[in-house]
Amino acid sequence: MIILEQGRYLLYAAMSCPFAHRVRMVRLLQADQLEDVIDLNFVTGQSAEEGFHFSGVPEPLFQAPSLKQVYHQANPDYVGRFTVPLLVDRTTRKMVDNESMDLAISLIKTTQDDKSALDLLPEGAEALARDLSDKVTTAVYKYLFNPDPTAKQEVKKDLWAQFDHYEDLLGKQDHLMGSTLSLPDLVLWATLIRYDNVYARQFGIEGKSLHKDYPNLKRFARRIWNMPSKSKSGITLGEDANLPEIIRTYWQSGNLAPKAGNDPTSPPPETLPVL
C-alpha cells in the first residue's frame, strides 16, 4: 500500500531500463498525486562487478555508492539480483518493492479514487500488460543473453510476430485497449522507442525497423512520445525518455556492452530517427 505523503518514497531507476521506465511513466501521468510523494534517483552507470552504481555523489538516503549496497541497507535479508526499479520507504528505510509490473499497478491503484486520474488499468489491461512484458520487453534480453544461434532466431521470430500483431491492431484503433491510453501502451512503447537504436543496432536483432517497417506502431509511438505528463515541469513522455541517454547508457554498460559486442570506451553511435 502506497501512502500519499510528501517525500515518503525514493524510486531508484536507470534511464536505460524499460522495466523502470514503465513505473516512471505512471508516476508522471499521475504526477498530481505521485510526483511529490515519490522522488527519483537515477543510477549513473553499471559494471560487471558491482552492477548499478552512482557516480560522484552517493545516493541521498543511505549514502551508498552502489545499488547493491542500497539493497543491503533497505533489506538485509534480500536474496536476488540488484535491479531497478527499486522503491524504498524513506520513513522506515525499508524496501517496498522491486518488481516493475507490481509497482506500476500499485501506483495506478493508489490513485484510482481521484476522479481526474487517468484510467490506466481498465478491465483486461493488467493481463495484457503482463503478456507484453513477457513476450516483448523481456524477449530482447532473451535474445542478447542466449548463446544458441538457433534459439536467438526463434526469439527474433516470436518478437516480430508480436510486432506484426500489434501493427495490425493499431491500424484499427489508437491504443491497445481501444481509444484511451492504458498500462499496456506504456509497456509496449518503452520497447518500441528503444528498438531501432538499441535492440536492433546494439543487441543485433536486425532485419526489421520500427521506423521503416511498422507505420502503425510508429504512429502509435509518436502519439505517446508527444503526450504531456501531469508533471509540474510540463515535460512530455518523449522528453522524459531521453533517448540519447538511453543509447549512451546501453553502449557503455559494463554488463551489457560485452554481450552486445560494443566497445564501451568508444563514443556511442548517433541517434537514428525513431518517429
Protein backbone atom coordinates (compact mmCIF):
# COMPACT_ATOMS: atom_id res chain seq x y z
CA MET A 1 0.00 0.00 0.00
CA ILE A 2 1.45 3.35 -1.09
CA ILE A 3 0.96 6.14 1.46
CA LEU A 4 0.29 9.50 -0.21
CA GLU A 5 2.63 11.53 1.97
CA GLN A 6 5.00 14.16 0.59
CA GLY A 7 8.56 12.89 0.17
CA ARG A 8 7.70 9.46 1.57
CA TYR A 9 9.41 7.33 -1.09
CA LEU A 10 12.55 7.15 -3.18
CA LEU A 11 12.40 5.38 -6.54
CA TYR A 12 15.74 4.13 -7.84
CA ALA A 13 15.74 3.86 -11.62
CA ALA A 14 18.01 3.66 -14.65
CA MET A 15 17.29 5.89 -17.62
CA SER A 16 18.02 2.97 -19.94
CA CYS A 17 15.82 0.35 -18.26
CA PRO A 18 12.40 -0.32 -19.87
CA PHE A 19 11.16 -2.02 -16.70
CA ALA A 20 11.88 1.04 -14.56
CA HIS A 21 10.56 3.22 -17.37
CA ARG A 22 7.00 1.89 -17.03
CA VAL A 23 6.97 2.90 -13.35
CA ARG A 24 8.42 6.33 -14.15
CA MET A 25 5.69 6.90 -16.74
CA VAL A 26 2.90 6.00 -14.31
CA ARG A 27 4.41 8.45 -11.82
CA LEU A 28 4.46 11.19 -14.49
CA LEU A 29 0.95 10.53 -15.77
CA GLN A 30 -0.41 10.60 -12.21
CA ALA A 31 2.03 13.31 -11.14
CA ASP A 32 -0.61 15.48 -9.48
CA GLN A 33 -0.80 12.77 -6.81
CA LEU A 34 2.56 10.99 -7.05
CA GLU A 35 5.26 13.48 -8.06
CA ASP A 36 5.63 14.96 -4.56
CA VAL A 37 5.23 11.56 -2.89
CA ILE A 38 7.91 9.69 -4.87
CA ASP A 39 11.30 11.24 -5.56
CA LEU A 40 13.53 9.83 -8.30
CA ASN A 41 17.16 8.84 -8.00
CA PHE A 42 18.96 7.57 -11.09
CA VAL A 43 21.87 5.18 -11.16
CA THR A 44 24.57 6.59 -13.41
CA GLY A 45 26.47 3.52 -14.57
CA GLN A 46 26.76 -0.24 -14.47
CA SER A 47 29.74 -2.53 -14.10
CA ALA A 48 30.01 -6.30 -14.40
CA GLU A 49 31.41 -6.49 -10.87
CA GLU A 50 29.23 -4.12 -8.85
CA GLY A 51 26.16 -3.72 -11.04
CA PHE A 52 24.40 -0.35 -10.95
CA HIS A 53 26.28 2.42 -9.18
CA PHE A 54 26.12 6.16 -8.50
CA SER A 55 28.95 8.22 -9.97
CA GLY A 56 30.29 11.14 -7.97
CA VAL A 57 27.67 11.89 -5.32
CA PRO A 58 26.28 8.86 -3.40
CA GLU A 59 22.52 8.38 -3.30
CA PRO A 60 20.72 10.54 -0.69
CA LEU A 61 19.11 8.02 1.69
CA PHE A 62 21.91 5.66 2.74
CA GLN A 63 24.86 7.50 1.15
CA ALA A 64 25.55 4.25 -0.70
CA PRO A 65 27.88 4.23 -3.73
CA SER A 66 26.05 1.34 -5.41
CA LEU A 67 22.54 -0.03 -5.74
CA LYS A 68 23.75 -3.31 -4.26
CA GLN A 69 24.52 -1.50 -1.02
CA VAL A 70 21.10 0.21 -1.07
CA TYR A 71 19.51 -3.24 -1.25
CA HIS A 72 21.60 -4.48 1.68
CA GLN A 73 20.61 -1.44 3.76
CA ALA A 74 16.91 -1.49 2.84
CA ASN A 75 16.53 -5.26 3.19
CA PRO A 76 19.45 -7.09 4.87
CA ASP A 77 17.80 -10.46 4.15
CA TYR A 78 17.35 -9.79 0.43
CA VAL A 79 18.50 -12.56 -1.91
CA GLY A 80 18.39 -11.91 -5.63
CA ARG A 81 19.59 -9.58 -8.36
CA PHE A 82 20.17 -5.90 -7.61
CA THR A 83 17.83 -4.48 -10.21
CA VAL A 84 15.84 -1.34 -10.95
CA PRO A 85 13.22 -0.18 -10.31
CA LEU A 86 13.52 -0.25 -6.55
CA LEU A 87 11.09 1.64 -4.31
CA VAL A 88 12.24 2.42 -0.76
CA ASP A 89 10.20 3.97 2.07
CA ARG A 90 12.20 6.90 3.41
CA THR A 91 10.42 6.86 6.77
CA THR A 92 11.01 3.19 7.57
CA ARG A 93 14.17 2.98 5.40
CA LYS A 94 12.82 -0.32 4.12
CA MET A 95 12.42 -1.77 0.65
CA VAL A 96 8.82 -1.59 -0.60
CA ASP A 97 9.06 -3.46 -3.92
CA ASN A 98 11.35 -4.05 -6.88
CA GLU A 99 9.00 -5.83 -9.29
CA SER A 100 8.22 -3.31 -12.01
CA MET A 101 4.77 -4.52 -13.05
CA ASP A 102 3.58 -4.88 -9.47
CA LEU A 103 4.91 -1.39 -8.70
CA ALA A 104 3.23 0.19 -11.72
CA ILE A 105 -0.10 -1.46 -10.87
CA SER A 106 0.19 -0.48 -7.20
CA LEU A 107 0.78 3.17 -8.13
CA ILE A 108 -2.19 3.15 -10.51
CA LYS A 109 -4.49 1.63 -7.89
CA THR A 110 -3.30 4.14 -5.30
CA THR A 111 -4.60 7.00 -7.47
CA GLN A 112 -7.83 5.39 -8.71
CA ASP A 113 -10.04 7.27 -6.25
CA ASP A 114 -9.01 10.56 -7.88
CA LYS A 115 -11.70 11.39 -10.44
CA SER A 116 -9.17 13.34 -12.52
CA ALA A 117 -6.69 10.43 -12.72
CA LEU A 118 -6.27 8.57 -15.99
CA ASP A 119 -7.82 5.11 -16.01
CA LEU A 120 -4.63 3.26 -16.87
CA LEU A 121 -5.96 -0.10 -15.70
CA PRO A 122 -9.32 -0.85 -17.36
CA GLU A 123 -10.64 -4.41 -17.35
CA GLY A 124 -8.18 -6.74 -19.08
CA ALA A 125 -5.29 -4.25 -19.02
CA GLU A 126 -3.26 -5.98 -16.33
CA ALA A 127 -3.28 -9.33 -18.15
CA LEU A 128 -2.26 -7.70 -21.44
CA ALA A 129 0.48 -5.64 -19.78
CA ARG A 130 1.96 -8.76 -18.18
CA ASP A 131 1.77 -10.64 -21.50
CA LEU A 132 3.58 -7.80 -23.29
CA SER A 133 6.22 -7.67 -20.59
CA ASP A 134 6.94 -11.36 -21.08
CA LYS A 135 6.71 -11.57 -24.88
CA VAL A 136 8.12 -8.16 -25.88
CA THR A 137 10.05 -6.39 -23.10
CA THR A 138 11.87 -9.49 -21.87
CA ALA A 139 12.33 -11.01 -25.34
CA VAL A 140 15.13 -8.66 -26.36
CA TYR A 141 17.20 -9.71 -23.33
CA LYS A 142 16.49 -13.39 -24.01
CA TYR A 143 17.95 -12.75 -27.46
CA LEU A 144 21.03 -10.96 -26.17
CA PHE A 145 21.95 -13.45 -23.47
CA ASN A 146 21.14 -16.70 -25.30
CA PRO A 147 24.35 -18.25 -26.70
CA ASP A 148 22.48 -20.57 -29.09
CA PRO A 149 22.13 -19.02 -32.60
CA THR A 150 19.09 -21.18 -33.38
CA ALA A 151 17.35 -20.12 -30.18
CA LYS A 152 18.17 -16.48 -30.96
CA GLN A 153 16.41 -16.77 -34.30
CA GLU A 154 13.33 -18.23 -32.60
CA VAL A 155 13.25 -15.33 -30.14
CA LYS A 156 13.54 -12.85 -33.02
CA LYS A 157 10.78 -14.61 -34.97
CA ASP A 158 8.45 -14.57 -31.95
CA LEU A 159 9.21 -10.90 -31.22
CA TRP A 160 8.44 -9.88 -34.78
CA ALA A 161 5.21 -11.89 -34.63
CA GLN A 162 4.22 -9.74 -31.66
CA PHE A 163 5.10 -6.57 -33.58
CA ASP A 164 3.09 -7.80 -36.58
CA HIS A 165 0.06 -8.48 -34.37
CA TYR A 166 0.10 -5.04 -32.76
CA GLU A 167 0.87 -3.36 -36.09
CA ASP A 168 -2.40 -4.82 -37.37
CA LEU A 169 -4.34 -3.93 -34.21
CA LEU A 170 -3.09 -0.34 -34.14
CA GLY A 171 -4.20 0.11 -37.73
CA LYS A 172 -7.75 -0.17 -36.37
CA GLN A 173 -7.57 1.74 -33.08
CA ASP A 174 -5.41 4.34 -31.37
CA HIS A 175 -4.42 2.32 -28.31
CA LEU A 176 -4.09 -1.32 -27.34
CA MET A 177 -7.23 -1.32 -25.18
CA GLY A 178 -9.25 0.85 -27.55
CA SER A 179 -9.42 4.63 -27.72
CA THR A 180 -7.64 5.61 -24.48
CA LEU A 181 -4.18 5.20 -23.01
CA SER A 182 -3.59 2.35 -20.55
CA LEU A 183 -0.72 0.47 -18.92
CA PRO A 184 -0.19 -1.98 -21.83
CA ASP A 185 0.52 1.01 -24.10
CA LEU A 186 3.29 2.15 -21.77
CA VAL A 187 4.83 -1.32 -21.63
CA LEU A 188 4.90 -1.67 -25.43
CA TRP A 189 6.06 1.91 -26.01
CA ALA A 190 9.10 1.52 -23.74
CA THR A 191 10.37 -1.25 -26.04
CA LEU A 192 9.41 0.44 -29.30
CA ILE A 193 11.40 3.62 -28.67
CA ARG A 194 14.50 1.55 -27.82
CA TYR A 195 14.16 -0.91 -30.68
CA ASP A 196 15.97 0.63 -33.66
CA ASN A 197 18.75 2.35 -31.71
CA VAL A 198 19.46 -0.28 -29.06
CA TYR A 199 17.87 -3.66 -29.63
CA ALA A 200 18.41 -3.79 -33.41
CA ARG A 201 21.72 -1.94 -33.67
CA GLN A 202 23.41 -2.81 -30.37
CA PHE A 203 21.84 -6.17 -29.46
CA GLY A 204 21.89 -7.39 -33.06
CA ILE A 205 18.14 -8.04 -33.54
CA GLU A 206 18.44 -6.84 -37.12
CA GLY A 207 16.24 -7.26 -40.16
CA LYS A 208 13.27 -5.04 -39.33
CA SER A 209 12.92 -1.43 -38.26
CA LEU A 210 10.15 0.36 -36.40
CA HIS A 211 10.92 3.47 -38.45
CA LYS A 212 10.70 1.72 -41.84
CA ASP A 213 8.59 -1.42 -41.46
CA TYR A 214 5.84 -0.64 -38.95
CA PRO A 215 3.91 2.53 -39.84
CA ASN A 216 1.11 1.94 -37.33
CA LEU A 217 3.50 1.16 -34.47
CA LYS A 218 5.49 4.24 -35.46
CA ARG A 219 2.35 6.41 -35.42
CA PHE A 220 1.40 4.95 -32.04
CA ALA A 221 4.90 5.60 -30.68
CA ARG A 222 4.81 9.21 -31.91
CA ARG A 223 1.43 9.80 -30.28
CA ILE A 224 2.70 8.70 -26.87
CA TRP A 225 6.05 10.46 -27.38
CA ASN A 226 4.23 13.79 -27.68
CA MET A 227 1.83 13.10 -24.81
CA PRO A 228 2.09 15.64 -21.98
CA SER A 229 2.56 14.39 -18.45
CA LYS A 230 0.94 15.89 -15.37
CA SER A 231 4.34 16.90 -14.01
CA LYS A 232 4.78 20.48 -12.82
CA SER A 233 7.68 20.68 -15.29
CA GLY A 234 5.29 20.23 -18.22
CA ILE A 235 7.56 17.56 -19.69
CA THR A 236 6.24 15.18 -22.35
CA LEU A 237 6.76 11.43 -22.15
CA GLY A 238 9.19 11.61 -25.07
CA GLU A 239 11.26 14.35 -23.47
CA ASP A 240 11.39 12.41 -20.22
CA ALA A 241 12.52 9.24 -22.03
CA ASN A 242 15.80 10.96 -23.07
CA LEU A 243 16.70 8.68 -25.98
CA PRO A 244 20.34 9.87 -26.39
CA GLU A 245 20.97 8.99 -22.74
CA ILE A 246 19.35 5.59 -23.22
CA ILE A 247 21.68 4.88 -26.15
CA ARG A 248 24.76 6.07 -24.27
CA THR A 249 23.95 4.06 -21.16
CA TYR A 250 23.44 0.80 -23.03
CA TRP A 251 26.58 1.40 -25.11
CA GLN A 252 28.76 1.96 -22.06
CA SER A 253 27.18 -0.65 -19.78
CA GLY A 254 29.83 -2.91 -18.29
CA ASN A 255 27.26 -5.68 -18.09
CA LEU A 256 25.58 -5.46 -21.50
CA ALA A 257 28.24 -3.96 -23.78
CA PRO A 258 30.47 -7.08 -23.99
CA LYS A 259 27.46 -9.28 -24.80
CA ALA A 260 26.36 -6.84 -27.50
CA GLY A 261 29.88 -6.58 -28.92
CA ASN A 262 30.15 -2.86 -28.14
CA ASP A 263 33.36 -1.05 -27.25
CA PRO A 264 32.24 0.95 -24.20
CA THR A 265 35.32 3.18 -24.42
CA SER A 266 34.33 4.47 -27.87
CA PRO A 267 31.68 7.14 -28.47
CA PRO A 268 28.12 5.78 -28.73
CA PRO A 269 26.57 5.81 -32.21
CA GLU A 270 24.47 8.73 -33.36
CA THR A 271 20.76 8.50 -32.69
CA LEU A 272 18.75 7.03 -35.55
CA PRO A 273 15.35 8.59 -36.28
CA VAL A 274 12.62 6.72 -34.43
CA LEU A 275 9.48 8.68 -35.16
